[in-house]
């Protein structure tokens, strides 16, 4: 948690706005501040505990949901990063034997990326610890507040994405 206190400048960004600023802007900056604080803490912990970056962890999380693998383009879309980023992350994970590329059975010209057994085991260990970190970071918030915030953010998400198209399917209710 020491890392969170060092990022105090980010957490106060929205409080520096004046009453002239729109409430929506203040809310956006507050959500962004919270996201940055949490991501920075998780990045630091992943690096220190497992010597892995958040993007590599995220790619492994996507693959864990799809045992048959995902095409590079699909990974790029799900993680909202360029294909070049996915290639670089995949190359690193492949060198460590955590993922492998296999020909796509539907189209032999393209490859799917899959977790190896070693990768699956490593991700399972990391995911359990990661979940504990998230619980720890939210521990001070009462359950009722978490439920209310989840409902409010769910409502916002539906408003922003009325068609329900999956842009970054992390976890749904």
N, C-alpha and C. Protein backbone atom coordinates (compact mmCIF):
# COMPACT_ATOMS: atom_id res chain seq x y z
N UNK A 1 0.82 -1.19 0.00
CA UNK A 1 0.00 0.00 0.00
C UNK A 1 0.86 1.26 0.00
N UNK A 2 2.14 1.11 0.31
CA UNK A 2 3.04 2.26 0.30
C UNK A 2 3.03 2.93 -1.06
N UNK A 3 2.97 2.13 -2.11
CA UNK A 3 2.97 2.65 -3.47
C UNK A 3 1.77 3.56 -3.71
N UNK A 4 0.62 3.22 -3.13
CA UNK A 4 -0.57 4.04 -3.32
C UNK A 4 -0.39 5.44 -2.75
N UNK A 5 0.24 5.54 -1.60
CA UNK A 5 0.40 6.86 -0.99
C UNK A 5 1.36 7.73 -1.79
N UNK A 6 2.29 7.13 -2.50
CA UNK A 6 3.23 7.90 -3.31
C UNK A 6 2.55 8.51 -4.53
N UNK A 7 1.43 7.96 -4.91
CA UNK A 7 0.72 8.45 -6.10
C UNK A 7 -0.36 9.46 -5.73
N UNK A 8 -0.21 10.13 -4.61
CA UNK A 8 -1.21 11.07 -4.12
C UNK A 8 -1.59 12.15 -5.10
N UNK A 9 -0.65 12.58 -5.92
CA UNK A 9 -0.94 13.63 -6.90
C UNK A 9 -2.02 13.19 -7.86
N UNK A 10 -2.00 11.94 -8.25
CA UNK A 10 -3.01 11.43 -9.16
C UNK A 10 -4.36 11.37 -8.47
N UNK A 11 -4.39 10.94 -7.22
CA UNK A 11 -5.66 10.75 -6.53
C UNK A 11 -6.38 12.06 -6.29
N UNK A 12 -5.67 13.19 -6.29
CA UNK A 12 -6.30 14.48 -6.03
C UNK A 12 -6.60 15.28 -7.29
N UNK A 13 -6.38 14.70 -8.44
CA UNK A 13 -6.59 15.42 -9.70
C UNK A 13 -7.99 16.01 -9.77
N UNK A 14 -8.98 15.21 -9.44
CA UNK A 14 -10.36 15.69 -9.58
C UNK A 14 -10.73 16.74 -8.54
N UNK A 15 -10.03 16.78 -7.41
CA UNK A 15 -10.35 17.77 -6.39
C UNK A 15 -9.80 19.15 -6.74
N UNK A 16 -8.89 19.21 -7.69
CA UNK A 16 -8.33 20.50 -8.10
C UNK A 16 -9.26 21.26 -9.04
N UNK A 17 -10.29 20.59 -9.53
CA UNK A 17 -11.23 21.26 -10.42
C UNK A 17 -12.08 22.24 -9.62
N UNK A 18 -12.50 23.28 -10.28
CA UNK A 18 -13.34 24.26 -9.61
C UNK A 18 -14.81 23.90 -9.80
N UNK A 19 -15.66 24.63 -9.12
CA UNK A 19 -17.10 24.40 -9.24
C UNK A 19 -17.59 24.67 -10.66
N UNK A 20 -16.79 25.39 -11.43
CA UNK A 20 -17.17 25.69 -12.81
C UNK A 20 -17.12 24.44 -13.71
N UNK A 21 -16.36 23.45 -13.31
CA UNK A 21 -16.24 22.25 -14.14
C UNK A 21 -17.50 21.39 -13.99
N UNK A 22 -17.82 20.73 -15.04
CA UNK A 22 -19.01 19.88 -15.03
C UNK A 22 -18.82 18.68 -14.12
N UNK A 23 -19.92 18.29 -13.51
CA UNK A 23 -19.90 17.15 -12.61
C UNK A 23 -19.42 15.89 -13.33
N UNK A 24 -19.81 15.73 -14.58
CA UNK A 24 -19.39 14.55 -15.34
C UNK A 24 -17.88 14.49 -15.50
N UNK A 25 -17.26 15.64 -15.74
CA UNK A 25 -15.80 15.68 -15.86
C UNK A 25 -15.16 15.31 -14.53
N UNK A 26 -15.70 15.82 -13.45
CA UNK A 26 -15.17 15.50 -12.12
C UNK A 26 -15.29 13.99 -11.85
N UNK A 27 -16.43 13.43 -12.22
CA UNK A 27 -16.64 11.99 -12.02
C UNK A 27 -15.67 11.18 -12.87
N UNK A 28 -15.51 11.56 -14.14
CA UNK A 28 -14.57 10.88 -15.03
C UNK A 28 -13.17 10.90 -14.44
N UNK A 29 -12.72 12.06 -13.97
CA UNK A 29 -11.38 12.16 -13.41
C UNK A 29 -11.24 11.35 -12.12
N UNK A 30 -12.28 11.29 -11.33
CA UNK A 30 -12.24 10.47 -10.12
C UNK A 30 -12.11 8.99 -10.48
N UNK A 31 -12.90 8.52 -11.47
CA UNK A 31 -12.80 7.12 -11.89
C UNK A 31 -11.42 6.84 -12.47
N UNK A 32 -10.91 7.76 -13.27
CA UNK A 32 -9.59 7.59 -13.86
C UNK A 32 -8.52 7.55 -12.78
N UNK A 33 -8.62 8.42 -11.79
CA UNK A 33 -7.66 8.44 -10.68
C UNK A 33 -7.64 7.11 -9.95
N UNK A 34 -8.82 6.59 -9.66
CA UNK A 34 -8.91 5.30 -8.96
C UNK A 34 -8.31 4.18 -9.81
N UNK A 35 -8.61 4.20 -11.10
CA UNK A 35 -8.07 3.18 -12.00
C UNK A 35 -6.55 3.24 -12.04
N UNK A 36 -6.00 4.43 -12.16
CA UNK A 36 -4.54 4.58 -12.21
C UNK A 36 -3.90 4.11 -10.91
N UNK A 37 -4.48 4.47 -9.78
CA UNK A 37 -3.93 4.05 -8.49
C UNK A 37 -3.92 2.53 -8.36
N UNK A 38 -5.03 1.91 -8.71
CA UNK A 38 -5.13 0.45 -8.60
C UNK A 38 -4.18 -0.22 -9.59
N UNK A 39 -4.18 0.23 -10.84
CA UNK A 39 -3.30 -0.38 -11.84
C UNK A 39 -1.83 -0.23 -11.47
N UNK A 40 -1.44 0.93 -10.98
CA UNK A 40 -0.05 1.13 -10.57
C UNK A 40 0.34 0.17 -9.46
N UNK A 41 -0.53 -0.01 -8.50
CA UNK A 41 -0.25 -0.93 -7.39
C UNK A 41 -0.15 -2.37 -7.89
N UNK A 42 -1.08 -2.77 -8.75
CA UNK A 42 -1.06 -4.14 -9.28
C UNK A 42 0.17 -4.35 -10.15
N UNK A 43 0.52 -3.38 -10.98
CA UNK A 43 1.74 -3.49 -11.81
C UNK A 43 2.96 -3.73 -10.93
N UNK A 44 3.08 -2.93 -9.88
CA UNK A 44 4.21 -3.04 -8.97
C UNK A 44 4.26 -4.42 -8.31
N UNK A 45 3.13 -4.86 -7.84
CA UNK A 45 3.08 -6.17 -7.16
C UNK A 45 3.36 -7.32 -8.12
N UNK A 46 2.82 -7.26 -9.33
CA UNK A 46 3.10 -8.32 -10.31
C UNK A 46 4.59 -8.37 -10.63
N UNK A 47 5.18 -7.21 -10.79
CA UNK A 47 6.61 -7.14 -11.10
C UNK A 47 7.44 -7.69 -9.94
N UNK A 48 7.12 -7.27 -8.73
CA UNK A 48 7.91 -7.68 -7.56
C UNK A 48 7.70 -9.14 -7.18
N UNK A 49 6.47 -9.61 -7.27
CA UNK A 49 6.14 -10.96 -6.82
C UNK A 49 6.41 -12.02 -7.89
N UNK A 50 6.11 -11.69 -9.15
CA UNK A 50 6.17 -12.71 -10.21
C UNK A 50 7.09 -12.34 -11.37
N UNK A 51 7.70 -11.16 -11.33
CA UNK A 51 8.56 -10.69 -12.42
C UNK A 51 7.81 -10.74 -13.76
N UNK A 52 6.59 -10.22 -13.75
CA UNK A 52 5.77 -10.18 -14.96
C UNK A 52 5.11 -8.81 -15.05
N UNK A 53 4.85 -8.37 -16.27
CA UNK A 53 4.19 -7.09 -16.47
C UNK A 53 2.67 -7.29 -16.49
N UNK A 54 1.95 -6.21 -16.27
CA UNK A 54 0.49 -6.27 -16.33
C UNK A 54 -0.01 -6.67 -17.72
N UNK A 55 0.55 -6.15 -18.82
CA UNK A 55 0.09 -6.61 -20.13
C UNK A 55 0.30 -8.11 -20.36
N UNK A 56 1.41 -8.64 -19.88
CA UNK A 56 1.65 -10.09 -20.03
C UNK A 56 0.64 -10.88 -19.21
N UNK A 57 0.37 -10.41 -17.99
CA UNK A 57 -0.64 -11.04 -17.14
C UNK A 57 -2.01 -10.98 -17.83
N UNK A 58 -2.36 -9.82 -18.38
CA UNK A 58 -3.64 -9.65 -19.06
C UNK A 58 -3.78 -10.58 -20.25
N UNK A 59 -2.71 -10.74 -21.04
CA UNK A 59 -2.76 -11.64 -22.19
C UNK A 59 -2.98 -13.08 -21.71
N UNK A 60 -2.29 -13.47 -20.67
CA UNK A 60 -2.47 -14.82 -20.13
C UNK A 60 -3.90 -15.00 -19.60
N UNK A 61 -4.46 -13.94 -19.00
CA UNK A 61 -5.84 -14.01 -18.50
C UNK A 61 -6.82 -14.23 -19.65
N UNK A 62 -6.60 -13.56 -20.76
CA UNK A 62 -7.46 -13.76 -21.93
C UNK A 62 -7.37 -15.21 -22.41
N UNK A 63 -6.16 -15.72 -22.50
CA UNK A 63 -5.96 -17.09 -23.00
C UNK A 63 -6.51 -18.13 -22.04
N UNK A 64 -6.49 -17.84 -20.76
CA UNK A 64 -6.99 -18.79 -19.77
C UNK A 64 -8.48 -19.06 -20.00
N UNK A 65 -9.19 -18.08 -20.50
CA UNK A 65 -10.63 -18.23 -20.75
C UNK A 65 -10.92 -19.04 -22.02
N UNK A 66 -9.92 -19.19 -22.87
CA UNK A 66 -10.10 -19.86 -24.16
C UNK A 66 -9.02 -20.93 -24.34
N UNK A 67 -9.25 -22.12 -23.81
CA UNK A 67 -8.22 -23.17 -23.87
C UNK A 67 -7.77 -23.53 -25.29
N UNK A 68 -8.66 -23.35 -26.28
CA UNK A 68 -8.28 -23.64 -27.66
C UNK A 68 -7.44 -22.52 -28.26
N UNK A 69 -7.33 -21.41 -27.56
CA UNK A 69 -6.51 -20.30 -28.00
C UNK A 69 -7.30 -19.21 -28.69
N UNK A 70 -6.63 -18.13 -28.94
CA UNK A 70 -7.20 -16.98 -29.64
C UNK A 70 -6.23 -16.52 -30.72
N UNK A 71 -6.79 -16.03 -31.82
CA UNK A 71 -5.96 -15.43 -32.86
C UNK A 71 -5.35 -14.14 -32.33
N UNK A 72 -4.21 -13.79 -32.90
CA UNK A 72 -3.52 -12.57 -32.48
C UNK A 72 -4.43 -11.34 -32.63
N UNK A 73 -5.17 -11.27 -33.72
CA UNK A 73 -6.08 -10.14 -33.94
C UNK A 73 -7.16 -10.07 -32.87
N UNK A 74 -7.65 -11.22 -32.46
CA UNK A 74 -8.67 -11.25 -31.40
C UNK A 74 -8.08 -10.79 -30.07
N UNK A 75 -6.86 -11.22 -29.78
CA UNK A 75 -6.19 -10.76 -28.56
C UNK A 75 -6.01 -9.24 -28.60
N UNK A 76 -5.62 -8.72 -29.74
CA UNK A 76 -5.43 -7.29 -29.90
C UNK A 76 -6.74 -6.54 -29.62
N UNK A 77 -7.82 -7.04 -30.17
CA UNK A 77 -9.13 -6.42 -29.98
C UNK A 77 -9.57 -6.48 -28.51
N UNK A 78 -9.42 -7.64 -27.90
CA UNK A 78 -9.85 -7.82 -26.51
C UNK A 78 -9.03 -6.98 -25.54
N UNK A 79 -7.75 -6.82 -25.82
CA UNK A 79 -6.88 -6.07 -24.91
C UNK A 79 -6.78 -4.60 -25.30
N UNK A 80 -7.39 -4.24 -26.43
CA UNK A 80 -7.41 -2.86 -26.92
C UNK A 80 -6.00 -2.30 -27.08
N UNK A 81 -5.13 -3.10 -27.70
CA UNK A 81 -3.77 -2.67 -28.03
C UNK A 81 -3.49 -3.06 -29.47
N UNK A 82 -2.39 -2.56 -30.01
CA UNK A 82 -2.05 -2.85 -31.40
C UNK A 82 -1.59 -4.30 -31.57
N UNK A 83 -1.66 -4.75 -32.80
CA UNK A 83 -1.16 -6.08 -33.11
C UNK A 83 0.32 -6.21 -32.80
N UNK A 84 1.07 -5.12 -33.02
CA UNK A 84 2.50 -5.14 -32.70
C UNK A 84 2.75 -5.38 -31.22
N UNK A 85 1.93 -4.77 -30.37
CA UNK A 85 2.06 -5.01 -28.93
C UNK A 85 1.80 -6.48 -28.60
N UNK A 86 0.77 -7.04 -29.21
CA UNK A 86 0.43 -8.44 -28.95
C UNK A 86 1.57 -9.34 -29.41
N UNK A 87 2.14 -9.04 -30.56
CA UNK A 87 3.26 -9.85 -31.07
C UNK A 87 4.43 -9.81 -30.09
N UNK A 88 4.78 -8.63 -29.61
CA UNK A 88 5.89 -8.50 -28.66
C UNK A 88 5.65 -9.25 -27.36
N UNK A 89 4.45 -9.11 -26.82
CA UNK A 89 4.11 -9.80 -25.57
C UNK A 89 4.12 -11.30 -25.79
N UNK A 90 3.53 -11.73 -26.92
CA UNK A 90 3.48 -13.17 -27.22
C UNK A 90 4.89 -13.73 -27.40
N UNK A 91 5.75 -13.00 -28.08
CA UNK A 91 7.14 -13.46 -28.26
C UNK A 91 7.82 -13.68 -26.92
N UNK A 92 7.64 -12.73 -25.99
CA UNK A 92 8.26 -12.86 -24.66
C UNK A 92 7.72 -14.08 -23.93
N UNK A 93 6.40 -14.23 -23.93
CA UNK A 93 5.79 -15.36 -23.22
C UNK A 93 6.14 -16.69 -23.88
N UNK A 94 6.29 -16.68 -25.19
CA UNK A 94 6.67 -17.89 -25.91
C UNK A 94 8.11 -18.29 -25.56
N UNK A 95 9.00 -17.32 -25.45
CA UNK A 95 10.39 -17.62 -25.06
C UNK A 95 10.45 -18.26 -23.67
N UNK A 96 9.53 -17.87 -22.81
CA UNK A 96 9.48 -18.43 -21.46
C UNK A 96 8.65 -19.71 -21.39
N UNK A 97 8.18 -20.17 -22.55
CA UNK A 97 7.38 -21.38 -22.68
C UNK A 97 6.07 -21.31 -21.90
N UNK A 98 5.50 -20.11 -21.83
CA UNK A 98 4.22 -19.92 -21.15
C UNK A 98 3.06 -19.94 -22.15
N UNK A 99 3.36 -19.63 -23.43
CA UNK A 99 2.36 -19.73 -24.50
C UNK A 99 3.01 -20.40 -25.70
N UNK A 100 2.16 -20.83 -26.62
CA UNK A 100 2.63 -21.40 -27.89
C UNK A 100 1.70 -20.93 -28.99
N UNK A 101 2.24 -20.89 -30.19
CA UNK A 101 1.44 -20.59 -31.38
C UNK A 101 1.14 -21.91 -32.07
N UNK A 102 -0.13 -22.08 -32.43
CA UNK A 102 -0.54 -23.29 -33.15
C UNK A 102 -1.36 -22.86 -34.37
N UNK A 103 -1.26 -23.63 -35.47
CA UNK A 103 -2.06 -23.28 -36.64
C UNK A 103 -3.55 -23.28 -36.30
N UNK A 104 -4.25 -22.28 -36.81
CA UNK A 104 -5.70 -22.19 -36.60
C UNK A 104 -6.36 -23.29 -37.43
N UNK A 105 -7.17 -24.16 -36.82
CA UNK A 105 -7.78 -25.24 -37.58
C UNK A 105 -8.76 -24.74 -38.65
N UNK A 106 -9.27 -23.53 -38.51
CA UNK A 106 -10.20 -22.97 -39.50
C UNK A 106 -9.49 -22.31 -40.66
N UNK A 107 -8.24 -21.91 -40.43
CA UNK A 107 -7.49 -21.20 -41.46
C UNK A 107 -6.00 -21.40 -41.19
N UNK A 108 -5.38 -22.30 -41.92
CA UNK A 108 -3.99 -22.65 -41.70
C UNK A 108 -3.00 -21.52 -41.94
N UNK A 109 -3.46 -20.41 -42.50
CA UNK A 109 -2.57 -19.27 -42.75
C UNK A 109 -2.33 -18.45 -41.49
N UNK A 110 -3.17 -18.62 -40.49
CA UNK A 110 -3.04 -17.83 -39.26
C UNK A 110 -2.81 -18.75 -38.08
N UNK A 111 -2.35 -18.16 -37.00
CA UNK A 111 -2.05 -18.92 -35.80
C UNK A 111 -2.94 -18.47 -34.65
N UNK A 112 -3.15 -19.41 -33.77
CA UNK A 112 -3.79 -19.11 -32.50
C UNK A 112 -2.73 -19.20 -31.42
N UNK A 113 -2.91 -18.42 -30.38
CA UNK A 113 -2.00 -18.45 -29.24
C UNK A 113 -2.72 -19.19 -28.12
N UNK A 114 -2.02 -20.12 -27.50
CA UNK A 114 -2.57 -20.89 -26.39
C UNK A 114 -1.61 -20.86 -25.21
N UNK A 115 -2.17 -20.99 -24.01
CA UNK A 115 -1.32 -21.20 -22.85
C UNK A 115 -0.75 -22.60 -22.91
N UNK A 116 0.51 -22.75 -22.56
CA UNK A 116 1.08 -24.09 -22.38
C UNK A 116 0.63 -24.58 -21.00
N UNK A 117 0.89 -25.81 -20.70
CA UNK A 117 0.55 -26.31 -19.36
C UNK A 117 1.33 -25.53 -18.30
N UNK A 118 2.58 -25.25 -18.58
CA UNK A 118 3.39 -24.44 -17.67
C UNK A 118 2.78 -23.04 -17.51
N UNK A 119 2.31 -22.47 -18.60
CA UNK A 119 1.67 -21.16 -18.56
C UNK A 119 0.38 -21.18 -17.78
N UNK A 120 -0.40 -22.24 -17.97
CA UNK A 120 -1.67 -22.37 -17.24
C UNK A 120 -1.42 -22.47 -15.74
N UNK A 121 -0.44 -23.25 -15.36
CA UNK A 121 -0.12 -23.39 -13.93
C UNK A 121 0.39 -22.07 -13.36
N UNK A 122 1.25 -21.39 -14.10
CA UNK A 122 1.78 -20.11 -13.63
C UNK A 122 0.65 -19.09 -13.50
N UNK A 123 -0.23 -19.05 -14.49
CA UNK A 123 -1.33 -18.09 -14.43
C UNK A 123 -2.26 -18.40 -13.27
N UNK A 124 -2.55 -19.65 -13.03
CA UNK A 124 -3.44 -20.03 -11.92
C UNK A 124 -2.88 -19.52 -10.59
N UNK A 125 -1.57 -19.68 -10.40
CA UNK A 125 -0.93 -19.18 -9.17
C UNK A 125 -1.03 -17.65 -9.09
N UNK A 126 -0.69 -16.99 -10.19
CA UNK A 126 -0.72 -15.52 -10.20
C UNK A 126 -2.14 -14.99 -10.00
N UNK A 127 -3.11 -15.61 -10.65
CA UNK A 127 -4.49 -15.13 -10.58
C UNK A 127 -5.04 -15.21 -9.16
N UNK A 128 -4.69 -16.26 -8.44
CA UNK A 128 -5.15 -16.40 -7.06
C UNK A 128 -4.58 -15.28 -6.19
N UNK A 129 -3.30 -15.00 -6.36
CA UNK A 129 -2.66 -13.93 -5.58
C UNK A 129 -3.23 -12.57 -6.01
N UNK A 130 -3.41 -12.39 -7.31
CA UNK A 130 -3.97 -11.14 -7.86
C UNK A 130 -5.35 -10.87 -7.26
N UNK A 131 -6.17 -11.89 -7.19
CA UNK A 131 -7.52 -11.72 -6.62
C UNK A 131 -7.43 -11.26 -5.16
N UNK A 132 -6.48 -11.81 -4.43
CA UNK A 132 -6.27 -11.39 -3.04
C UNK A 132 -5.85 -9.93 -2.95
N UNK A 133 -5.00 -9.50 -3.88
CA UNK A 133 -4.57 -8.10 -3.89
C UNK A 133 -5.76 -7.17 -4.14
N UNK A 134 -6.61 -7.54 -5.09
CA UNK A 134 -7.77 -6.72 -5.40
C UNK A 134 -8.68 -6.64 -4.17
N UNK A 135 -8.91 -7.78 -3.54
CA UNK A 135 -9.73 -7.79 -2.32
C UNK A 135 -9.12 -6.88 -1.26
N UNK A 136 -7.82 -6.94 -1.12
CA UNK A 136 -7.12 -6.10 -0.14
C UNK A 136 -7.30 -4.62 -0.46
N UNK A 137 -7.16 -4.26 -1.72
CA UNK A 137 -7.28 -2.86 -2.12
C UNK A 137 -8.69 -2.30 -1.91
N UNK A 138 -9.69 -3.18 -1.98
CA UNK A 138 -11.07 -2.75 -1.79
C UNK A 138 -11.60 -3.05 -0.38
N UNK A 139 -10.76 -3.58 0.48
CA UNK A 139 -11.20 -4.04 1.80
C UNK A 139 -11.80 -2.94 2.66
N UNK A 140 -11.31 -1.73 2.55
CA UNK A 140 -11.81 -0.64 3.39
C UNK A 140 -13.21 -0.17 2.97
N UNK A 141 -13.64 -0.55 1.80
CA UNK A 141 -14.95 -0.12 1.31
C UNK A 141 -16.02 -1.10 1.80
N UNK A 142 -17.05 -0.62 2.47
CA UNK A 142 -18.12 -1.52 2.94
C UNK A 142 -18.78 -2.26 1.77
N UNK A 143 -19.25 -3.47 2.04
CA UNK A 143 -19.87 -4.31 1.02
C UNK A 143 -21.02 -3.58 0.34
N UNK A 144 -21.84 -2.90 1.11
CA UNK A 144 -22.98 -2.18 0.52
C UNK A 144 -22.50 -1.12 -0.48
N UNK A 145 -21.42 -0.44 -0.15
CA UNK A 145 -20.86 0.57 -1.07
C UNK A 145 -20.34 -0.09 -2.34
N UNK A 146 -19.68 -1.23 -2.19
CA UNK A 146 -19.17 -1.94 -3.37
C UNK A 146 -20.33 -2.38 -4.26
N UNK A 147 -21.39 -2.88 -3.65
CA UNK A 147 -22.56 -3.30 -4.43
C UNK A 147 -23.19 -2.12 -5.16
N UNK A 148 -23.31 -1.00 -4.46
CA UNK A 148 -23.89 0.20 -5.06
C UNK A 148 -23.01 0.71 -6.20
N UNK A 149 -21.71 0.77 -5.97
CA UNK A 149 -20.80 1.24 -7.01
C UNK A 149 -20.84 0.32 -8.23
N UNK A 150 -20.88 -0.97 -7.99
CA UNK A 150 -20.96 -1.94 -9.09
C UNK A 150 -22.23 -1.72 -9.90
N UNK A 151 -23.35 -1.51 -9.22
CA UNK A 151 -24.62 -1.27 -9.92
C UNK A 151 -24.57 0.03 -10.72
N UNK A 152 -24.02 1.08 -10.12
CA UNK A 152 -23.93 2.36 -10.82
C UNK A 152 -23.02 2.27 -12.05
N UNK A 153 -21.88 1.61 -11.89
CA UNK A 153 -20.98 1.46 -13.03
C UNK A 153 -21.59 0.56 -14.10
N UNK A 154 -22.35 -0.45 -13.68
CA UNK A 154 -23.06 -1.30 -14.64
C UNK A 154 -24.06 -0.49 -15.45
N UNK A 155 -24.77 0.40 -14.78
CA UNK A 155 -25.72 1.27 -15.45
C UNK A 155 -25.01 2.20 -16.44
N UNK A 156 -23.89 2.76 -16.02
CA UNK A 156 -23.11 3.63 -16.91
C UNK A 156 -22.62 2.84 -18.12
N UNK A 157 -22.15 1.64 -17.89
CA UNK A 157 -21.65 0.82 -18.99
C UNK A 157 -22.76 0.53 -20.01
N UNK A 158 -23.96 0.22 -19.52
CA UNK A 158 -25.08 -0.03 -20.44
C UNK A 158 -25.42 1.22 -21.24
N UNK A 159 -25.34 2.37 -20.60
CA UNK A 159 -25.62 3.63 -21.29
C UNK A 159 -24.56 3.90 -22.37
N UNK A 160 -23.31 3.62 -22.05
CA UNK A 160 -22.21 3.88 -22.98
C UNK A 160 -22.15 2.86 -24.11
N UNK A 161 -22.65 1.67 -23.85
CA UNK A 161 -22.55 0.57 -24.80
C UNK A 161 -23.91 -0.12 -24.91
N UNK A 162 -24.93 0.58 -25.44
CA UNK A 162 -26.29 0.04 -25.43
C UNK A 162 -26.44 -1.26 -26.22
N UNK A 163 -25.62 -1.46 -27.24
CA UNK A 163 -25.72 -2.68 -28.03
C UNK A 163 -25.10 -3.86 -27.31
N UNK A 164 -24.34 -3.57 -26.27
CA UNK A 164 -23.72 -4.65 -25.50
C UNK A 164 -22.56 -5.31 -26.19
N UNK A 165 -21.97 -4.63 -27.18
CA UNK A 165 -20.83 -5.22 -27.87
C UNK A 165 -19.64 -5.31 -26.93
N UNK A 166 -18.98 -6.43 -26.95
CA UNK A 166 -17.85 -6.67 -26.05
C UNK A 166 -16.61 -5.99 -26.61
N UNK A 167 -16.13 -4.98 -25.88
CA UNK A 167 -14.89 -4.34 -26.30
C UNK A 167 -13.72 -4.84 -25.47
N UNK A 168 -13.97 -5.15 -24.23
CA UNK A 168 -12.92 -5.64 -23.35
C UNK A 168 -13.58 -6.51 -22.30
N UNK A 169 -13.92 -7.73 -22.67
CA UNK A 169 -14.69 -8.59 -21.76
C UNK A 169 -13.85 -9.11 -20.61
N UNK A 170 -13.82 -8.39 -19.52
CA UNK A 170 -13.07 -8.84 -18.36
C UNK A 170 -13.97 -9.71 -17.52
N UNK A 171 -14.82 -9.11 -16.77
CA UNK A 171 -15.73 -9.87 -15.92
C UNK A 171 -17.09 -9.20 -15.95
N UNK A 172 -18.07 -9.96 -16.14
CA UNK A 172 -19.44 -9.46 -16.13
C UNK A 172 -20.14 -9.97 -14.89
N UNK A 173 -21.27 -9.33 -14.59
CA UNK A 173 -22.03 -9.73 -13.41
C UNK A 173 -22.47 -11.17 -13.50
